[in-house]
Amino acid sequence: MELIDYNKIRLKKLMILYGKPSNKVATLIATVTGDHLSTRTVQSWSASPSLVSARPCPGWALYILENELQILAEEGDIAPLLLSNYSKPLD
């Protein structure tokens, strides 16, 4: 039985919904933590579980990303994309 990485799914959805590529996600998280976070690390968190380079997305990173995106949305700096015409499944 294959385990489902719900954090990975949520990360992908947030990246699509807010139009944030891996490098922007890495920057947002690194700004809060004060630690270096590479684009490659974020890519490994969102990679298909079948890939050797795939890593589980840690809950702390998802928590930070969700909060930062919410703050940016409240400040009017970003807005979620309208997905009504989006035909590709998010999972």
N, C-alpha and C. Protein backbone atom coordinates (compact mmCIF):
# COMPACT_ATOMS: atom_id res chain seq x y z
N MET A 1 0.84 -1.19 0.00
CA MET A 1 0.00 0.00 0.00
C MET A 1 0.88 1.25 0.00
N GLU A 2 0.59 2.15 -0.89
CA GLU A 2 1.37 3.38 -1.02
C GLU A 2 0.80 4.46 -0.10
N LEU A 3 1.67 5.10 0.67
CA LEU A 3 1.25 6.18 1.54
C LEU A 3 1.04 7.45 0.73
N ILE A 4 0.03 8.22 1.09
CA ILE A 4 -0.25 9.47 0.40
C ILE A 4 0.38 10.61 1.20
N ASP A 5 1.16 11.42 0.53
CA ASP A 5 1.79 12.57 1.17
C ASP A 5 0.89 13.78 0.97
N TYR A 6 0.00 13.99 1.94
CA TYR A 6 -0.96 15.09 1.83
C TYR A 6 -0.27 16.45 1.82
N ASN A 7 0.88 16.56 2.49
CA ASN A 7 1.61 17.83 2.46
C ASN A 7 2.10 18.13 1.05
N LYS A 8 2.54 17.11 0.34
CA LYS A 8 3.01 17.29 -1.04
C LYS A 8 1.86 17.77 -1.93
N ILE A 9 0.70 17.18 -1.74
CA ILE A 9 -0.48 17.56 -2.52
C ILE A 9 -0.86 19.01 -2.21
N ARG A 10 -0.87 19.36 -0.94
CA ARG A 10 -1.23 20.72 -0.53
C ARG A 10 -0.21 21.73 -1.07
N LEU A 11 1.06 21.39 -1.03
CA LEU A 11 2.10 22.26 -1.56
C LEU A 11 1.86 22.53 -3.04
N LYS A 12 1.62 21.48 -3.81
CA LYS A 12 1.39 21.64 -5.25
C LYS A 12 0.17 22.53 -5.51
N LYS A 13 -0.90 22.31 -4.75
CA LYS A 13 -2.11 23.11 -4.92
C LYS A 13 -1.84 24.58 -4.63
N LEU A 14 -1.12 24.87 -3.57
CA LEU A 14 -0.81 26.26 -3.23
C LEU A 14 0.06 26.92 -4.30
N MET A 15 1.03 26.17 -4.80
CA MET A 15 1.91 26.72 -5.84
C MET A 15 1.11 27.07 -7.10
N ILE A 16 0.16 26.20 -7.45
CA ILE A 16 -0.67 26.45 -8.63
C ILE A 16 -1.65 27.58 -8.36
N LEU A 17 -2.32 27.51 -7.22
CA LEU A 17 -3.35 28.47 -6.88
C LEU A 17 -2.82 29.91 -6.82
N TYR A 18 -1.64 30.07 -6.26
CA TYR A 18 -1.05 31.40 -6.12
C TYR A 18 -0.03 31.72 -7.20
N GLY A 19 0.19 30.79 -8.13
CA GLY A 19 1.12 31.04 -9.22
C GLY A 19 2.55 31.25 -8.77
N LYS A 20 2.95 30.51 -7.74
CA LYS A 20 4.30 30.65 -7.19
C LYS A 20 5.17 29.46 -7.60
N PRO A 21 6.22 29.71 -8.37
CA PRO A 21 7.15 28.63 -8.71
C PRO A 21 8.04 28.27 -7.51
N SER A 22 8.79 27.21 -7.65
CA SER A 22 9.63 26.71 -6.56
C SER A 22 10.58 27.75 -6.00
N ASN A 23 11.16 28.57 -6.87
CA ASN A 23 12.13 29.55 -6.37
C ASN A 23 11.46 30.61 -5.50
N LYS A 24 10.22 31.00 -5.82
CA LYS A 24 9.50 31.99 -5.00
C LYS A 24 9.06 31.38 -3.68
N VAL A 25 8.66 30.12 -3.71
CA VAL A 25 8.28 29.42 -2.48
C VAL A 25 9.50 29.31 -1.56
N ALA A 26 10.63 28.95 -2.11
CA ALA A 26 11.87 28.84 -1.31
C ALA A 26 12.20 30.18 -0.67
N THR A 27 12.07 31.26 -1.42
CA THR A 27 12.37 32.59 -0.89
C THR A 27 11.42 32.98 0.23
N LEU A 28 10.13 32.72 0.04
CA LEU A 28 9.14 33.04 1.08
C LEU A 28 9.45 32.31 2.39
N ILE A 29 9.71 31.02 2.29
CA ILE A 29 9.98 30.23 3.49
C ILE A 29 11.30 30.65 4.13
N ALA A 30 12.32 30.87 3.31
CA ALA A 30 13.64 31.26 3.84
C ALA A 30 13.59 32.62 4.52
N THR A 31 12.75 33.51 4.05
CA THR A 31 12.61 34.83 4.66
C THR A 31 12.13 34.71 6.10
N VAL A 32 11.22 33.80 6.33
CA VAL A 32 10.67 33.61 7.68
C VAL A 32 11.66 32.87 8.58
N THR A 33 12.26 31.81 8.06
CA THR A 33 13.13 30.97 8.91
C THR A 33 14.51 31.59 9.11
N GLY A 34 14.95 32.40 8.16
CA GLY A 34 16.30 32.95 8.24
C GLY A 34 17.36 31.98 7.78
N ASP A 35 16.95 30.79 7.37
CA ASP A 35 17.87 29.77 6.87
C ASP A 35 17.81 29.73 5.35
N HIS A 36 18.90 29.27 4.74
CA HIS A 36 18.92 29.10 3.30
C HIS A 36 18.02 27.92 2.92
N LEU A 37 17.18 28.12 1.93
CA LEU A 37 16.35 27.04 1.41
C LEU A 37 16.46 27.10 -0.10
N SER A 38 16.95 26.04 -0.70
CA SER A 38 17.18 26.05 -2.14
C SER A 38 15.91 25.74 -2.92
N THR A 39 15.90 26.21 -4.14
CA THR A 39 14.82 25.90 -5.07
C THR A 39 14.73 24.39 -5.25
N ARG A 40 15.86 23.74 -5.32
CA ARG A 40 15.90 22.29 -5.51
C ARG A 40 15.21 21.55 -4.36
N THR A 41 15.34 22.05 -3.15
CA THR A 41 14.67 21.42 -2.01
C THR A 41 13.16 21.48 -2.19
N VAL A 42 12.66 22.64 -2.57
CA VAL A 42 11.21 22.79 -2.79
C VAL A 42 10.77 21.89 -3.95
N GLN A 43 11.59 21.80 -4.98
CA GLN A 43 11.26 20.91 -6.10
C GLN A 43 11.17 19.46 -5.65
N SER A 44 12.06 19.06 -4.75
CA SER A 44 12.03 17.68 -4.26
C SER A 44 10.79 17.43 -3.41
N TRP A 45 10.31 18.46 -2.72
CA TRP A 45 9.08 18.32 -1.92
C TRP A 45 7.86 18.16 -2.81
N SER A 46 7.88 18.77 -3.99
CA SER A 46 6.70 18.71 -4.86
C SER A 46 6.83 17.65 -5.97
N ALA A 47 7.95 16.95 -5.99
CA ALA A 47 8.19 15.94 -7.03
C ALA A 47 7.31 14.71 -6.84
N SER A 48 7.04 14.04 -7.93
CA SER A 48 6.27 12.80 -7.90
C SER A 48 6.95 11.79 -6.98
N PRO A 49 6.19 11.11 -6.14
CA PRO A 49 6.79 10.13 -5.23
C PRO A 49 7.56 9.02 -5.93
N SER A 50 7.31 8.81 -7.21
CA SER A 50 8.01 7.75 -7.94
C SER A 50 9.44 8.14 -8.30
N LEU A 51 9.78 9.42 -8.18
CA LEU A 51 11.13 9.87 -8.51
C LEU A 51 12.09 9.65 -7.34
N VAL A 52 13.31 9.30 -7.65
CA VAL A 52 14.32 9.07 -6.63
C VAL A 52 14.59 10.33 -5.82
N SER A 53 14.49 11.48 -6.47
CA SER A 53 14.80 12.76 -5.80
C SER A 53 13.66 13.28 -4.94
N ALA A 54 12.50 12.64 -4.96
CA ALA A 54 11.34 13.10 -4.18
C ALA A 54 11.59 12.98 -2.69
N ARG A 55 11.18 14.01 -1.96
CA ARG A 55 11.28 14.02 -0.50
C ARG A 55 9.93 14.46 0.06
N PRO A 56 9.59 14.01 1.26
CA PRO A 56 8.33 14.45 1.86
C PRO A 56 8.39 15.95 2.19
N CYS A 57 7.27 16.61 2.02
CA CYS A 57 7.20 18.04 2.36
C CYS A 57 6.96 18.15 3.86
N PRO A 58 7.86 18.81 4.58
CA PRO A 58 7.68 18.92 6.03
C PRO A 58 6.52 19.84 6.39
N GLY A 59 5.83 19.48 7.44
CA GLY A 59 4.69 20.27 7.89
C GLY A 59 5.04 21.70 8.23
N TRP A 60 6.21 21.91 8.84
CA TRP A 60 6.59 23.27 9.22
C TRP A 60 6.72 24.18 8.01
N ALA A 61 7.23 23.64 6.90
CA ALA A 61 7.40 24.46 5.69
C ALA A 61 6.04 24.82 5.09
N LEU A 62 5.14 23.87 5.10
CA LEU A 62 3.80 24.12 4.58
C LEU A 62 3.06 25.14 5.45
N TYR A 63 3.22 25.02 6.76
CA TYR A 63 2.61 25.97 7.70
C TYR A 63 3.10 27.39 7.42
N ILE A 64 4.40 27.55 7.26
CA ILE A 64 4.98 28.86 6.98
C ILE A 64 4.48 29.39 5.64
N LEU A 65 4.48 28.55 4.62
CA LEU A 65 4.04 28.99 3.29
C LEU A 65 2.59 29.43 3.32
N GLU A 66 1.73 28.64 3.93
CA GLU A 66 0.31 29.00 3.99
C GLU A 66 0.11 30.33 4.70
N ASN A 67 0.81 30.54 5.80
CA ASN A 67 0.68 31.80 6.54
C ASN A 67 1.21 32.99 5.75
N GLU A 68 2.34 32.82 5.09
CA GLU A 68 2.91 33.91 4.29
C GLU A 68 2.02 34.27 3.11
N LEU A 69 1.47 33.27 2.44
CA LEU A 69 0.57 33.53 1.33
C LEU A 69 -0.70 34.23 1.81
N GLN A 70 -1.19 33.84 2.98
CA GLN A 70 -2.37 34.48 3.55
C GLN A 70 -2.09 35.95 3.86
N ILE A 71 -0.93 36.23 4.44
CA ILE A 71 -0.55 37.62 4.75
C ILE A 71 -0.44 38.44 3.47
N LEU A 72 0.22 37.88 2.47
CA LEU A 72 0.36 38.60 1.20
C LEU A 72 -1.00 38.85 0.55
N ALA A 73 -1.90 37.89 0.66
CA ALA A 73 -3.24 38.05 0.08
C ALA A 73 -4.01 39.13 0.83
N GLU A 74 -3.90 39.15 2.15
CA GLU A 74 -4.59 40.16 2.95
C GLU A 74 -4.05 41.56 2.67
N GLU A 75 -2.76 41.65 2.37
CA GLU A 75 -2.15 42.95 2.06
C GLU A 75 -2.43 43.36 0.62
N GLY A 76 -3.00 42.46 -0.16
CA GLY A 76 -3.32 42.77 -1.55
C GLY A 76 -2.15 42.60 -2.50
N ASP A 77 -1.05 42.02 -2.02
CA ASP A 77 0.13 41.82 -2.87
C ASP A 77 -0.04 40.67 -3.85
N ILE A 78 -0.87 39.69 -3.49
CA ILE A 78 -1.15 38.56 -4.38
C ILE A 78 -2.61 38.18 -4.23
N ALA A 79 -3.11 37.45 -5.18
CA ALA A 79 -4.47 36.92 -5.11
C ALA A 79 -4.46 35.53 -5.72
N PRO A 80 -5.28 34.63 -5.18
CA PRO A 80 -5.37 33.30 -5.79
C PRO A 80 -5.87 33.41 -7.22
N LEU A 81 -5.37 32.52 -8.07
CA LEU A 81 -5.82 32.48 -9.45
C LEU A 81 -7.22 31.87 -9.50
N LEU A 82 -8.00 32.31 -10.46
CA LEU A 82 -9.31 31.70 -10.66
C LEU A 82 -9.11 30.40 -11.41
N LEU A 83 -9.58 29.32 -10.84
CA LEU A 83 -9.32 28.00 -11.42
C LEU A 83 -10.55 27.40 -12.10
N SER A 84 -11.58 28.19 -12.35
CA SER A 84 -12.80 27.64 -12.94
C SER A 84 -12.56 27.05 -14.32
N ASN A 85 -11.59 27.58 -15.06
CA ASN A 85 -11.30 27.07 -16.40
C ASN A 85 -10.11 26.12 -16.40
N TYR A 86 -9.61 25.77 -15.25
CA TYR A 86 -8.44 24.92 -15.14
C TYR A 86 -8.89 23.47 -15.24
N SER A 87 -8.47 22.78 -16.28
CA SER A 87 -8.98 21.42 -16.52
C SER A 87 -8.08 20.32 -15.98
N LYS A 88 -6.82 20.62 -15.70
CA LYS A 88 -5.90 19.60 -15.20
C LYS A 88 -6.15 19.36 -13.72
N PRO A 89 -6.23 18.11 -13.28
CA PRO A 89 -6.41 17.84 -11.86
C PRO A 89 -5.22 18.36 -11.06
N LEU A 90 -5.48 18.85 -9.86
CA LEU A 90 -4.44 19.41 -9.02
C LEU A 90 -3.64 18.35 -8.29
N ASP A 91 -4.16 17.16 -8.16
CA ASP A 91 -3.44 16.12 -7.40
C ASP A 91 -2.52 15.38 -8.29
